Every structure is written in C-alpha cells, then in structure tokens.
Amino acid sequence: MKFGDKEGKGYIYSNVGMEWTNYVIPLSDSVDLQVIISGVDVADGTDGGNVFKSLKFTVNQGEKK
C-alpha cells in the first residue's frame, strides 16, 4: 500500500482471536512507521482504505548541530 510517495509493506496475522493487518512504512533511512489495524477493511475503494490512504506523515529531523 502506498502512503504518499512511500510504499508500505503489510502482512496479516491472528492474535487474541482477531485478525490484524500490520503495515511498516519507511519514512527515512533511520525511521519506520508501523500501523496496526483490526476490524476495518482497508482494501482499495473501501471507506477504511480511503481513510488509510489519506494519512500524511512527516519526519522531524530536529535541530542539526
């Protein structure tokens, strides 16, 4: 799944009787964002998918010394 210009890799697993979708999105060379979802269909064209695709993330690199 794409997040802006970033490509996230996802997988599905079961835990505590629920199915979970886990996405890992590299935001920079040293920072990854992990998004875990359960109970919401995030396939293309669904309400959950539209919300998921609308998320925006930025990395604050902080003050350089």
Protein backbone atom coordinates (compact mmCIF):
# COMPACT_ATOMS: atom_id res chain seq x y z
CA MET A 1 0.00 0.00 0.00
CA LYS A 2 1.29 3.48 -0.83
CA PHE A 3 1.44 6.33 1.70
CA GLY A 4 2.05 9.46 -0.33
CA ASP A 5 5.31 8.68 -2.10
CA LYS A 6 6.24 5.92 0.38
CA GLU A 7 5.48 2.26 -0.22
CA GLY A 8 4.39 0.30 2.85
CA LYS A 9 4.71 -3.45 3.23
CA GLY A 10 1.97 -5.26 5.07
CA TYR A 11 1.09 -8.63 6.46
CA ILE A 12 -1.87 -10.18 8.27
CA TYR A 13 -1.71 -12.21 11.48
CA SER A 14 -4.07 -13.51 14.17
CA ASN A 15 -3.79 -12.62 17.85
CA VAL A 16 -6.31 -12.81 20.74
CA GLY A 17 -8.96 -14.19 18.42
CA MET A 18 -8.78 -11.24 15.98
CA GLU A 19 -7.21 -10.76 12.57
CA TRP A 20 -4.73 -7.86 12.42
CA THR A 21 -3.15 -6.06 9.48
CA ASN A 22 0.31 -4.64 10.13
CA TYR A 23 1.96 -2.13 7.77
CA VAL A 24 5.55 -0.91 8.03
CA ILE A 25 6.33 2.31 6.16
CA PRO A 26 9.89 3.64 5.83
CA LEU A 27 9.77 7.41 6.42
CA SER A 28 13.53 7.93 6.20
CA ASP A 29 16.74 5.88 6.25
CA SER A 30 16.52 5.57 10.05
CA VAL A 31 12.78 5.88 10.82
CA ASP A 32 9.94 3.43 10.10
CA LEU A 33 6.28 3.93 10.95
CA GLN A 34 4.24 0.91 11.97
CA VAL A 35 0.44 0.96 11.61
CA ILE A 36 -1.62 -1.90 13.06
CA ILE A 37 -5.31 -2.19 12.18
CA SER A 38 -8.03 -4.65 13.17
CA GLY A 39 -11.73 -4.78 12.35
CA VAL A 40 -11.52 -2.34 9.42
CA ASP A 41 -11.35 -3.24 5.73
CA VAL A 42 -8.56 -1.12 4.21
CA ALA A 43 -8.83 -2.51 0.66
CA ASP A 44 -8.80 -0.01 -2.21
CA GLY A 45 -12.19 1.64 -2.68
CA THR A 46 -13.48 0.96 0.86
CA ASP A 47 -14.12 3.68 3.44
CA GLY A 48 -11.27 2.30 5.58
CA GLY A 49 -8.94 2.23 2.58
CA ASN A 50 -9.78 5.83 1.69
CA VAL A 51 -9.08 6.99 5.25
CA PHE A 52 -5.87 4.94 5.37
CA LYS A 53 -4.63 6.43 2.08
CA SER A 54 -5.42 9.98 3.25
CA LEU A 55 -2.99 9.75 6.20
CA LYS A 56 0.05 12.02 5.92
CA PHE A 57 3.30 11.58 7.84
CA THR A 58 6.39 13.73 8.17
CA VAL A 59 9.68 13.14 9.94
CA ASN A 60 11.02 15.91 12.13
CA GLN A 61 14.80 15.60 11.89
CA GLY A 62 15.31 18.03 14.76
CA GLU A 63 17.89 20.77 15.00
CA LYS A 64 21.22 19.98 13.36
CA LYS A 65 24.32 20.85 15.33
